Amino acid sequence: MQTVTSYKDEAEAYAQIAEAGYHAYKSEFPALKNDFHWHDFDSFIYITSGELKVTEHESGETIVCGPGSKIIGRAGIAHCEETEGYSAIFGLPVEPGALTQPVDKPLPIPQ
C-alpha cells in the first residue's frame, strides 16, 4: 500500500519536495472515480483540500486522505482513486510534461 504520513503546511511540503530533488506541481482535481491503474514513477502527494480515497488492487486496502495527509506513492503499485474533488501539491521525479503517457497505465490484460 502507499505510505501515508502527515505534513504541517505548504512550506514544509515544498521543502520536502526540494530536499528529495523532485519537481513541485500544484493542481486541483474535479470529482473522479477511476479504474485500477499504476504509474511508472514514485511521487509525493500532499493533500491541501478535499479528500482522496485510494484503494490498492492487490490487498483491497483503502485509505482516505484529507488536508495535511502526505501520500508516498511507489511506482508499479496498482490502485484506483475516488474523490469529490481535491487539491494537492505533487512531488515528481521529473517535470510534469516529461512523464510518460498515459500517466495512468492500465492493468495488464489477463492472458
Protein backbone atom coordinates (compact mmCIF):
# COMPACT_ATOMS: atom_id res chain seq x y z
CA MET A 1 0.00 0.00 0.00
CA GLN A 2 1.02 3.59 -0.41
CA THR A 3 2.61 5.06 2.73
CA VAL A 4 0.62 7.85 4.39
CA THR A 5 2.11 10.33 6.85
CA SER A 6 1.34 13.96 7.61
CA TYR A 7 2.82 17.38 6.98
CA LYS A 8 2.46 20.72 8.75
CA ASP A 9 1.90 23.25 5.96
CA GLU A 10 2.60 24.01 2.30
CA ALA A 11 6.06 25.43 3.11
CA GLU A 12 7.02 22.07 4.64
CA ALA A 13 5.64 20.24 1.58
CA TYR A 14 7.69 22.36 -0.82
CA ALA A 15 10.82 21.98 1.36
CA GLN A 16 10.48 18.17 1.43
CA ILE A 17 10.00 18.06 -2.34
CA ALA A 18 13.10 20.20 -2.91
CA GLU A 19 15.13 18.13 -0.43
CA ALA A 20 14.24 14.97 -2.37
CA GLY A 21 15.36 16.62 -5.62
CA TYR A 22 11.82 16.36 -7.01
CA HIS A 23 9.78 18.87 -9.02
CA ALA A 24 6.81 20.55 -7.31
CA TYR A 25 3.47 20.76 -9.09
CA LYS A 26 0.25 22.13 -7.54
CA SER A 27 -3.10 21.14 -9.01
CA GLU A 28 -6.83 20.89 -8.38
CA PHE A 29 -8.88 17.89 -9.44
CA PRO A 30 -12.64 17.67 -10.00
CA ALA A 31 -14.74 14.75 -8.85
CA LEU A 32 -13.49 11.47 -10.27
CA LYS A 33 -13.65 7.73 -9.85
CA ASN A 34 -11.12 5.90 -11.99
CA ASP A 35 -10.26 2.29 -12.82
CA PHE A 36 -7.32 0.43 -11.35
CA HIS A 37 -4.07 1.67 -12.86
CA TRP A 38 -0.39 2.14 -11.99
CA HIS A 39 2.38 4.70 -12.54
CA ASP A 40 5.98 4.18 -13.61
CA PHE A 41 7.32 6.77 -11.14
CA ASP A 42 7.43 7.41 -7.41
CA SER A 43 5.67 10.51 -6.08
CA PHE A 44 4.78 12.57 -3.03
CA ILE A 45 1.19 13.83 -2.81
CA TYR A 46 0.37 16.49 -0.21
CA ILE A 47 -3.41 16.91 0.09
CA THR A 48 -4.23 20.60 0.68
CA SER A 49 -8.05 20.47 0.47
CA GLY A 50 -10.81 17.92 -0.07
CA GLU A 51 -10.40 14.16 0.31
CA LEU A 52 -8.85 11.45 -1.83
CA LYS A 53 -9.75 7.79 -1.36
CA VAL A 54 -7.14 5.36 -2.69
CA THR A 55 -7.69 1.59 -2.96
CA GLU A 56 -4.82 -0.79 -3.63
CA HIS A 57 -5.60 -3.52 -6.16
CA GLU A 58 -3.63 -6.42 -4.64
CA SER A 59 -4.68 -6.06 -0.98
CA GLY A 60 -8.02 -4.30 -1.43
CA GLU A 61 -6.93 -1.90 1.33
CA THR A 62 -8.46 1.59 1.15
CA ILE A 63 -7.13 4.79 2.69
CA VAL A 64 -8.92 8.14 2.87
CA CYS A 65 -6.63 11.17 2.92
CA GLY A 66 -7.61 14.74 3.71
CA PRO A 67 -5.79 18.04 4.22
CA GLY A 68 -2.45 17.50 5.97
CA SER A 69 -2.02 13.97 4.56
CA LYS A 70 1.15 13.09 2.67
CA ILE A 71 0.95 10.05 0.40
CA ILE A 72 4.22 8.45 -0.67
CA GLY A 73 3.30 6.73 -3.92
CA ARG A 74 5.52 3.94 -5.23
CA ALA A 75 5.98 3.06 -8.88
CA GLY A 76 4.21 -0.09 -10.02
CA ILE A 77 1.55 -0.23 -7.27
CA ALA A 78 -1.85 -0.80 -8.91
CA HIS A 79 -4.57 1.34 -7.35
CA CYS A 80 -7.72 3.33 -8.08
CA GLU A 81 -8.84 6.71 -6.78
CA GLU A 82 -12.13 8.32 -5.86
CA THR A 83 -12.82 11.90 -4.84
CA GLU A 84 -15.50 14.58 -4.85
CA GLY A 85 -12.65 16.97 -5.69
CA TYR A 86 -9.33 17.79 -4.07
CA SER A 87 -6.25 19.99 -4.31
CA ALA A 88 -2.69 18.77 -3.82
CA ILE A 89 0.96 19.60 -4.17
CA PHE A 90 2.80 16.83 -6.02
CA GLY A 91 6.47 16.00 -5.79
CA LEU A 92 7.51 14.29 -9.04
CA PRO A 93 10.92 12.92 -10.10
CA VAL A 94 10.67 14.76 -13.45
CA GLU A 95 8.87 17.85 -14.75
CA PRO A 96 5.15 17.01 -15.23
CA GLY A 97 5.42 17.43 -19.01
CA ALA A 98 8.15 14.78 -19.14
CA LEU A 99 6.01 12.00 -17.61
CA THR A 100 5.40 9.08 -19.94
CA GLN A 101 1.89 8.97 -21.41
CA PRO A 102 -0.61 7.92 -20.43
CA VAL A 103 0.31 8.79 -16.84
CA ASP A 104 -2.29 6.27 -15.58
CA LYS A 105 -1.09 2.96 -17.01
CA PRO A 106 -3.86 0.33 -17.42
CA LEU A 107 -3.52 -3.01 -15.72
CA PRO A 108 -2.15 -5.78 -17.95
CA ILE A 109 -4.88 -7.72 -19.72
CA PRO A 110 -5.02 -11.29 -18.30
CA GLN A 111 -3.91 -13.95 -20.79
